[in-house]
Amino acid sequence: MVVMDHLARTPKQIGAVIARLRREQNLTQAELAAKVGLRQEAISKIEAGNAATRLSKILDVIAALDLELVIRPRSKSSPSDFEDIF
């Protein structure tokens, strides 16, 4: 199994990564929501990059996808260098 890091610096980028990895696991938003104990609408807002989403909800979703959050020093590239990824 290849482990791949996903860089995200904004709520929108975090949401895009979560959506991509959810789809890779063949889960619908409703199925992921059920695993976390949230409504499908909450998953939709997280994936859309809603900045008002509580961090605890995002961490619950990350855990339900069997992922972890890693904090490290910021790379020297500018944020615009990563916009094309999303």
PDB file of N, CA and C in Angstrom:
ATOM      1  N   MET A   1       0.841  -1.186   0.000  1.00  0.00           N
ATOM      2  CA  MET A   1       0.000   0.000   0.000  1.00  0.00           C
ATOM      3  C   MET A   1       0.884   1.247   0.000  1.00  0.00           C
ATOM      4  N   VAL A   2       0.611   2.146  -0.918  1.00  0.00           N
ATOM      5  CA  VAL A   2       1.366   3.386  -1.020  1.00  0.00           C
ATOM      6  C   VAL A   2       0.683   4.443  -0.161  1.00  0.00           C
ATOM      7  N   VAL A   3       1.448   5.074   0.712  1.00  0.00           N
ATOM      8  CA  VAL A   3       0.924   6.148   1.548  1.00  0.00           C
ATOM      9  C   VAL A   3       1.223   7.462   0.855  1.00  0.00           C
ATOM     10  N   MET A   4       0.187   8.250   0.664  1.00  0.00           N
ATOM     11  CA  MET A   4       0.342   9.520  -0.035  1.00  0.00           C
ATOM     12  C   MET A   4      -0.136  10.653   0.859  1.00  0.00           C
ATOM     13  N   ASP A   5       0.689  11.675   1.004  1.00  0.00           N
ATOM     14  CA  ASP A   5       0.287  12.853   1.760  1.00  0.00           C
ATOM     15  C   ASP A   5      -0.592  13.736   0.887  1.00  0.00           C
ATOM     16  N   HIS A   6      -1.502  14.433   1.523  1.00  0.00           N
ATOM     17  CA  HIS A   6      -2.373  15.377   0.831  1.00  0.00           C
ATOM     18  C   HIS A   6      -2.208  16.727   1.507  1.00  0.00           C
ATOM     19  N   LEU A   7      -1.711  17.690   0.779  1.00  0.00           N
ATOM     20  CA  LEU A   7      -1.489  19.020   1.321  1.00  0.00           C
ATOM     21  C   LEU A   7      -2.789  19.823   1.271  1.00  0.00           C
ATOM     22  N   ALA A   8      -3.122  20.436   2.396  1.00  0.00           N
ATOM     23  CA  ALA A   8      -4.301  21.295   2.454  1.00  0.00           C
ATOM     24  C   ALA A   8      -4.004  22.448   3.401  1.00  0.00           C
ATOM     25  N   ARG A   9      -4.251  23.660   2.918  1.00  0.00           N
ATOM     26  CA  ARG A   9      -3.982  24.849   3.723  1.00  0.00           C
ATOM     27  C   ARG A   9      -5.220  25.697   3.971  1.00  0.00           C
ATOM     28  N   THR A  10      -6.321  25.359   3.342  1.00  0.00           N
ATOM     29  CA  THR A  10      -7.557  26.130   3.504  1.00  0.00           C
ATOM     30  C   THR A  10      -8.704  25.164   3.790  1.00  0.00           C
ATOM     31  N   PRO A  11      -9.807  25.657   4.340  1.00  0.00           N
ATOM     32  CA  PRO A  11     -10.969  24.778   4.543  1.00  0.00           C
ATOM     33  C   PRO A  11     -11.449  24.131   3.241  1.00  0.00           C
ATOM     34  N   LYS A  12     -11.407  24.889   2.145  1.00  0.00           N
ATOM     35  CA  LYS A  12     -11.837  24.338   0.863  1.00  0.00           C
ATOM     36  C   LYS A  12     -10.938  23.179   0.437  1.00  0.00           C
ATOM     37  N   GLN A  13      -9.641  23.321   0.632  1.00  0.00           N
ATOM     38  CA  GLN A  13      -8.710  22.251   0.275  1.00  0.00           C
ATOM     39  C   GLN A  13      -8.896  21.027   1.183  1.00  0.00           C
ATOM     40  N   ILE A  14      -9.122  21.261   2.473  1.00  0.00           N
ATOM     41  CA  ILE A  14      -9.385  20.139   3.385  1.00  0.00           C
ATOM     42  C   ILE A  14     -10.634  19.399   2.928  1.00  0.00           C
ATOM     43  N   GLY A  15     -11.667  20.133   2.585  1.00  0.00           N
ATOM     44  CA  GLY A  15     -12.907  19.511   2.116  1.00  0.00           C
ATOM     45  C   GLY A  15     -12.702  18.700   0.854  1.00  0.00           C
ATOM     46  N   ALA A  16     -11.906  19.232  -0.073  1.00  0.00           N
ATOM     47  CA  ALA A  16     -11.638  18.516  -1.324  1.00  0.00           C
ATOM     48  C   ALA A  16     -10.891  17.219  -1.069  1.00  0.00           C
ATOM     49  N   VAL A  17      -9.937  17.242  -0.145  1.00  0.00           N
ATOM     50  CA  VAL A  17      -9.196  16.020   0.191  1.00  0.00           C
ATOM     51  C   VAL A  17     -10.129  15.000   0.820  1.00  0.00           C
ATOM     52  N   ILE A  18     -10.962  15.438   1.752  1.00  0.00           N
ATOM     53  CA  ILE A  18     -11.906  14.524   2.399  1.00  0.00           C
ATOM     54  C   ILE A  18     -12.842  13.906   1.369  1.00  0.00           C
ATOM     55  N   ALA A  19     -13.357  14.720   0.454  1.00  0.00           N
ATOM     56  CA  ALA A  19     -14.265  14.202  -0.585  1.00  0.00           C
ATOM     57  C   ALA A  19     -13.561  13.170  -1.459  1.00  0.00           C
ATOM     58  N   ARG A  20     -12.344  13.487  -1.875  1.00  0.00           N
ATOM     59  CA  ARG A  20     -11.591  12.564  -2.734  1.00  0.00           C
ATOM     60  C   ARG A  20     -11.339  11.232  -2.035  1.00  0.00           C
ATOM     61  N   LEU A  21     -10.923  11.295  -0.782  1.00  0.00           N
ATOM     62  CA  LEU A  21     -10.614  10.057  -0.059  1.00  0.00           C
ATOM     63  C   LEU A  21     -11.877   9.273   0.294  1.00  0.00           C
ATOM     64  N   ARG A  22     -12.984   9.978   0.531  1.00  0.00           N
ATOM     65  CA  ARG A  22     -14.260   9.291   0.763  1.00  0.00           C
ATOM     66  C   ARG A  22     -14.659   8.510  -0.475  1.00  0.00           C
ATOM     67  N   ARG A  23     -14.546   9.151  -1.641  1.00  0.00           N
ATOM     68  CA  ARG A  23     -14.894   8.472  -2.894  1.00  0.00           C
ATOM     69  C   ARG A  23     -13.967   7.294  -3.166  1.00  0.00           C
ATOM     70  N   GLU A  24     -12.680   7.436  -2.839  1.00  0.00           N
ATOM     71  CA  GLU A  24     -11.742   6.323  -3.018  1.00  0.00           C
ATOM     72  C   GLU A  24     -12.138   5.113  -2.177  1.00  0.00           C
ATOM     73  N   GLN A  25     -12.805   5.366  -1.056  1.00  0.00           N
ATOM     74  CA  GLN A  25     -13.272   4.277  -0.199  1.00  0.00           C
ATOM     75  C   GLN A  25     -14.686   3.823  -0.575  1.00  0.00           C
ATOM     76  N   ASN A  26     -15.184   4.333  -1.689  1.00  0.00           N
ATOM     77  CA  ASN A  26     -16.518   3.981  -2.198  1.00  0.00           C
ATOM     78  C   ASN A  26     -17.623   4.218  -1.175  1.00  0.00           C
ATOM     79  N   LEU A  27     -17.514   5.339  -0.478  1.00  0.00           N
ATOM     80  CA  LEU A  27     -18.539   5.725   0.486  1.00  0.00           C
ATOM     81  C   LEU A  27     -19.329   6.912  -0.053  1.00  0.00           C
ATOM     82  N   THR A  28     -20.625   6.907   0.187  1.00  0.00           N
ATOM     83  CA  THR A  28     -21.428   8.082  -0.098  1.00  0.00           C
ATOM     84  C   THR A  28     -21.311   9.040   1.081  1.00  0.00           C
ATOM     85  N   GLN A  29     -21.753  10.261   0.876  1.00  0.00           N
ATOM     86  CA  GLN A  29     -21.779  11.205   1.998  1.00  0.00           C
ATOM     87  C   GLN A  29     -22.669  10.675   3.117  1.00  0.00           C
ATOM     88  N   ALA A  30     -23.779  10.073   2.761  1.00  0.00           N
ATOM     89  CA  ALA A  30     -24.706   9.537   3.769  1.00  0.00           C
ATOM     90  C   ALA A  30     -24.063   8.404   4.560  1.00  0.00           C
ATOM     91  N   GLU A  31     -23.321   7.534   3.879  1.00  0.00           N
ATOM     92  CA  GLU A  31     -22.661   6.419   4.568  1.00  0.00           C
ATOM     93  C   GLU A  31     -21.585   6.928   5.527  1.00  0.00           C
ATOM     94  N   LEU A  32     -20.809   7.907   5.076  1.00  0.00           N
ATOM     95  CA  LEU A  32     -19.788   8.483   5.949  1.00  0.00           C
ATOM     96  C   LEU A  32     -20.444   9.179   7.133  1.00  0.00           C
ATOM     97  N   ALA A  33     -21.504   9.905   6.877  1.00  0.00           N
ATOM     98  CA  ALA A  33     -22.222  10.588   7.955  1.00  0.00           C
ATOM     99  C   ALA A  33     -22.706   9.599   9.007  1.00  0.00           C
ATOM    100  N   ALA A  34     -23.228   8.465   8.568  1.00  0.00           N
ATOM    101  CA  ALA A  34     -23.712   7.444   9.506  1.00  0.00           C
ATOM    102  C   ALA A  34     -22.571   6.902  10.369  1.00  0.00           C
ATOM    103  N   LYS A  35     -21.399   6.733   9.779  1.00  0.00           N
ATOM    104  CA  LYS A  35     -20.242   6.245  10.536  1.00  0.00           C
ATOM    105  C   LYS A  35     -19.816   7.226  11.622  1.00  0.00           C
ATOM    106  N   VAL A  36     -20.023   8.516  11.347  1.00  0.00           N
ATOM    107  CA  VAL A  36     -19.570   9.564  12.258  1.00  0.00           C
ATOM    108  C   VAL A  36     -20.668   9.997  13.229  1.00  0.00           C
ATOM    109  N   GLY A  37     -21.907   9.717  12.881  1.00  0.00           N
ATOM    110  CA  GLY A  37     -23.019  10.179  13.710  1.00  0.00           C
ATOM    111  C   GLY A  37     -23.447  11.592  13.361  1.00  0.00           C
ATOM    112  N   LEU A  38     -23.257  11.958  12.102  1.00  0.00           N
ATOM    113  CA  LEU A  38     -23.664  13.275  11.611  1.00  0.00           C
ATOM    114  C   LEU A  38     -24.726  13.105  10.528  1.00  0.00           C
ATOM    115  N   ARG A  39     -25.298  14.215  10.116  1.00  0.00           N
ATOM    116  CA  ARG A  39     -26.218  14.184   8.982  1.00  0.00           C
ATOM    117  C   ARG A  39     -25.433  14.336   7.690  1.00  0.00           C
ATOM    118  N   GLN A  40     -26.003  13.861   6.597  1.00  0.00           N
ATOM    119  CA  GLN A  40     -25.352  13.963   5.285  1.00  0.00           C
ATOM    120  C   GLN A  40     -25.041  15.415   4.960  1.00  0.00           C
ATOM    121  N   GLU A  41     -25.911  16.317   5.357  1.00  0.00           N
ATOM    122  CA  GLU A  41     -25.709  17.733   5.079  1.00  0.00           C
ATOM    123  C   GLU A  41     -24.422  18.252   5.721  1.00  0.00           C
ATOM    124  N   ALA A  42     -24.066  17.725   6.890  1.00  0.00           N
ATOM    125  CA  ALA A  42     -22.836  18.143   7.565  1.00  0.00           C
ATOM    126  C   ALA A  42     -21.607  17.717   6.759  1.00  0.00           C
ATOM    127  N   ILE A  43     -21.647  16.511   6.203  1.00  0.00           N
ATOM    128  CA  ILE A  43     -20.541  16.041   5.368  1.00  0.00           C
ATOM    129  C   ILE A  43     -20.439  16.921   4.124  1.00  0.00           C
ATOM    130  N   SER A  44     -21.571  17.257   3.538  1.00  0.00           N
ATOM    131  CA  SER A  44     -21.582  18.123   2.360  1.00  0.00           C
ATOM    132  C   SER A  44     -20.929  19.468   2.670  1.00  0.00           C
ATOM    133  N   LYS A  45     -21.244  20.047   3.816  1.00  0.00           N
ATOM    134  CA  LYS A  45     -20.661  21.343   4.197  1.00  0.00           C
ATOM    135  C   LYS A  45     -19.154  21.224   4.423  1.00  0.00           C
ATOM    136  N   ILE A  46     -18.721  20.138   5.063  1.00  0.00           N
ATOM    137  CA  ILE A  46     -17.285  19.932   5.280  1.00  0.00           C
ATOM    138  C   ILE A  46     -16.577  19.830   3.944  1.00  0.00           C
ATOM    139  N   GLU A  47     -17.123  19.035   3.035  1.00  0.00           N
ATOM    140  CA  GLU A  47     -16.499  18.850   1.725  1.00  0.00           C
ATOM    141  C   GLU A  47     -16.520  20.123   0.883  1.00  0.00           C
ATOM    142  N   ALA A  48     -17.465  20.996   1.145  1.00  0.00           N
ATOM    143  CA  ALA A  48     -17.538  22.273   0.426  1.00  0.00           C
ATOM    144  C   ALA A  48     -16.576  23.310   1.009  1.00  0.00           C
ATOM    145  N   GLY A  49     -15.970  22.972   2.152  1.00  0.00           N
ATOM    146  CA  GLY A  49     -15.015  23.887   2.759  1.00  0.00           C
ATOM    147  C   GLY A  49     -15.627  24.929   3.665  1.00  0.00           C
ATOM    148  N   ASN A  50     -16.764  24.605   4.267  1.00  0.00           N
ATOM    149  CA  ASN A  50     -17.422  25.533   5.182  1.00  0.00           C
ATOM    150  C   ASN A  50     -16.484  25.849   6.342  1.00  0.00           C
ATOM    151  N   ALA A  51     -16.031  27.077   6.419  1.00  0.00           N
ATOM    152  CA  ALA A  51     -15.059  27.484   7.439  1.00  0.00           C
ATOM    153  C   ALA A  51     -15.646  27.478   8.847  1.00  0.00           C
ATOM    154  N   ALA A  52     -16.962  27.443   8.974  1.00  0.00           N
ATOM    155  CA  ALA A  52     -17.590  27.463  10.291  1.00  0.00           C
ATOM    156  C   ALA A  52     -17.698  26.071  10.919  1.00  0.00           C
ATOM    157  N   THR A  53     -17.288  25.036  10.207  1.00  0.00           N
ATOM    158  CA  THR A  53     -17.358  23.679  10.731  1.00  0.00           C
ATOM    159  C   THR A  53     -16.396  23.528  11.903  1.00  0.00           C
ATOM    160  N   ARG A  54     -16.882  22.921  12.978  1.00  0.00           N
ATOM    161  CA  ARG A  54     -16.026  22.707  14.148  1.00  0.00           C
ATOM    162  C   ARG A  54     -14.918  21.709  13.834  1.00  0.00           C
ATOM    163  N   LEU A  55     -13.757  21.986  14.361  1.00  0.00           N
ATOM    164  CA  LEU A  55     -12.606  21.114  14.157  1.00  0.00           C
ATOM    165  C   LEU A  55     -12.900  19.702  14.653  1.00  0.00           C
ATOM    166  N   SER A  56     -13.642  19.569  15.733  1.00  0.00           N
ATOM    167  CA  SER A  56     -13.947  18.236  16.268  1.00  0.00           C
ATOM    168  C   SER A  56     -14.724  17.397  15.258  1.00  0.00           C
ATOM    169  N   LYS A  57     -15.615  18.016  14.490  1.00  0.00           N
ATOM    170  CA  LYS A  57     -16.352  17.285  13.456  1.00  0.00           C
ATOM    171  C   LYS A  57     -15.415  16.829  12.341  1.00  0.00           C
ATOM    172  N   ILE A  58     -14.519  17.711  11.935  1.00  0.00           N
ATOM    173  CA  ILE A  58     -13.563  17.355  10.879  1.00  0.00           C
ATOM    174  C   ILE A  58     -12.676  16.202  11.341  1.00  0.00           C
ATOM    175  N   LEU A  59     -12.224  16.264  12.584  1.00  0.00           N
ATOM    176  CA  LEU A  59     -11.393  15.183  13.116  1.00  0.00           C
ATOM    177  C   LEU A  59     -12.159  13.872  13.203  1.00  0.00           C
ATOM    178  N   ASP A  60     -13.442  13.931  13.535  1.00  0.00           N
ATOM    179  CA  ASP A  60     -14.273  12.720  13.556  1.00  0.00           C
ATOM    180  C   ASP A  60     -14.383  12.109  12.157  1.00  0.00           C
ATOM    181  N   VAL A  61     -14.550  12.950  11.155  1.00  0.00           N
ATOM    182  CA  VAL A  61     -14.645  12.481   9.771  1.00  0.00           C
ATOM    183  C   VAL A  61     -13.317  11.869   9.331  1.00  0.00           C
ATOM    184  N   ILE A  62     -12.236  12.529   9.659  1.00  0.00           N
ATOM    185  CA  ILE A  62     -10.907  12.007   9.311  1.00  0.00           C
ATOM    186  C   ILE A  62     -10.711  10.630   9.942  1.00  0.00           C
ATOM    187  N   ALA A  63     -11.079  10.482  11.198  1.00  0.00           N
ATOM    188  CA  ALA A  63     -10.934   9.196  11.886  1.00  0.00           C
ATOM    189  C   ALA A  63     -11.824   8.132  11.256  1.00  0.00           C
ATOM    190  N   ALA A  64     -13.032   8.504  10.876  1.00  0.00           N
ATOM    191  CA  ALA A  64     -13.958   7.540  10.259  1.00  0.00           C
ATOM    192  C   ALA A  64     -13.433   7.039   8.922  1.00  0.00           C
ATOM    193  N   LEU A  65     -12.619   7.850   8.262  1.00  0.00           N
ATOM    194  CA  LEU A  65     -11.998   7.441   7.003  1.00  0.00           C
ATOM    195  C   LEU A  65     -10.668   6.714   7.243  1.00  0.00           C
ATOM    196  N   ASP A  66     -10.363   6.436   8.504  1.00  0.00           N
ATOM    197  CA  ASP A  66      -9.127   5.760   8.908  1.00  0.00           C
ATOM    198  C   ASP A  66      -7.902   6.555   8.464  1.00  0.00           C
ATOM    199  N   LEU A  67      -7.981   7.876   8.678  1.00  0.00           N
ATOM    200  CA  LEU A  67      -6.899   8.797   8.334  1.00  0.00           C
ATOM    201  C   LEU A  67      -6.419   9.477   9.611  1.00  0.00           C
ATOM    202  N   GLU A  68      -5.335  10.214   9.505  1.00  0.00           N
ATOM    203  CA  GLU A  68      -4.847  10.999  10.622  1.00  0.00           C
ATOM    204  C   GLU A  68      -4.385  12.355  10.126  1.00  0.00           C
ATOM    205  N   LEU A  69      -4.419  13.313  11.013  1.00  0.00           N
ATOM    206  CA  LEU A  69      -3.980  14.667  10.701  1.00  0.00           C
ATOM    207  C   LEU A  69      -2.543  14.820  11.169  1.00  0.00           C
ATOM    208  N   VAL A  70      -1.668  15.293  10.292  1.00  0.00           N
ATOM    209  CA  VAL A  70      -0.261  15.505  10.623  1.00  0.00           C
ATOM    210  C   VAL A  70       0.030  16.986  10.470  1.00  0.00           C
ATOM    211  N   ILE A  71       0.602  17.586  11.494  1.00  0.00           N
ATOM    212  CA  ILE A  71       0.981  18.994  11.456  1.00  0.00           C
ATOM    213  C   ILE A  71       2.496  19.045  11.321  1.00  0.00           C
ATOM    214  N   ARG A  72       2.979  19.834  10.355  1.00  0.00           N
ATOM    215  CA  ARG A  72       4.423  19.936  10.146  1.00  0.00           C
ATOM    216  C   ARG A  72       4.748  21.353   9.702  1.00  0.00           C
ATOM    217  N   PRO A  73       6.028  21.709   9.703  1.00  0.00           N
ATOM    218  CA  PRO A  73       6.396  23.050   9.235  1.00  0.00           C
ATOM    219  C   PRO A  73       5.935  23.247   7.792  1.00  0.00           C
ATOM    220  N   ARG A  74       5.534  24.438   7.513  1.00  0.00           N
ATOM    221  CA  ARG A  74       5.031  24.795   6.190  1.00  0.00           C
ATOM    222  C   ARG A  74       6.148  24.728   5.153  1.00  0.00           C
ATOM    223  N   SER A  75       5.817  24.202   3.983  1.00  0.00           N
ATOM    224  CA  SER A  75       6.789  24.167   2.892  1.00  0.00           C
ATOM    225  C   SER A  75       6.988  25.587   2.368  1.00  0.00           C
ATOM    226  N   LYS A  76       8.034  25.783   1.618  1.00  0.00           N
ATOM    227  CA  LYS A  76       8.375  27.120   1.130  1.00  0.00           C
ATOM    228  C   LYS A  76       7.603  27.522  -0.123  1.00  0.00           C
ATOM    229  N   SER A  77       6.836  26.617  -0.697  1.00  0.00           N
ATOM    230  CA  SER A  77       6.054  26.936  -1.891  1.00  0.00           C
ATOM    231  C   SER A  77       4.892  27.854  -1.522  1.00  0.00           C
ATOM    232  N   SER A  78       4.451  28.625  -2.469  1.00  0.00           N
ATOM    233  CA  SER A  78       3.325  29.523  -2.219  1.00  0.00           C
ATOM    234  C   SER A  78       2.012  28.760  -2.341  1.00  0.00           C
ATOM    235  N   PRO A  79       0.956  29.216  -1.667  1.00  0.00           N
ATOM    236  CA  PRO A  79      -0.335  28.529  -1.743  1.00  0.00           C
ATOM    237  C   PRO A  79      -0.849  28.382  -3.165  1.00  0.00           C
ATOM    238  N   SER A  80      -0.548  29.336  -4.033  1.00  0.00           N
ATOM    239  CA  SER A  80      -1.031  29.241  -5.411  1.00  0.00           C
ATOM    240  C   SER A  80      -0.410  28.065  -6.152  1.00  0.00           C
ATOM    241  N   ASP A  81       0.771  27.613  -5.702  1.00  0.00           N
ATOM    242  CA  ASP A  81       1.403  26.445  -6.323  1.00  0.00           C
ATOM    243  C   ASP A  81       0.559  25.194  -6.133  1.00  0.00           C
ATOM    244  N   PHE A  82      -0.279  25.184  -5.103  1.00  0.00           N
ATOM    245  CA  PHE A  82      -1.063  24.005  -4.781  1.00  0.00           C
ATOM    246  C   PHE A  82      -2.509  24.090  -5.267  1.00  0.00           C
ATOM    247  N   GLU A  83      -2.927  25.266  -5.701  1.00  0.00           N
ATOM    248  CA  GLU A  83      -4.309  25.435  -6.146  1.00  0.00           C
ATOM    249  C   GLU A  83      -4.651  24.497  -7.290  1.00  0.00           C
ATOM    250  N   ASP A  84      -3.710  24.202  -8.167  1.00  0.00           N
ATOM    251  CA  ASP A  84      -3.973  23.329  -9.299  1.00  0.00           C
ATOM    252  C   ASP A  84      -4.265  21.891  -8.876  1.00  0.00           C
ATOM    253  N   ILE A  85      -3.805  21.513  -7.681  1.00  0.00           N
ATOM    254  CA  ILE A  85      -4.059  20.165  -7.166  1.00  0.00           C
ATOM    255  C   ILE A  85      -5.554  19.981  -6.934  1.00  0.00           C
ATOM    256  N   PHE A  86      -6.227  21.042  -6.514  1.00  0.00           N
ATOM    257  CA  PHE A  86      -7.623  20.953  -6.120  1.00  0.00           C
ATOM    258  C   PHE A  86      -8.481  21.463  -7.241  1.00  0.00           C
TER     259      PHE A  86
END
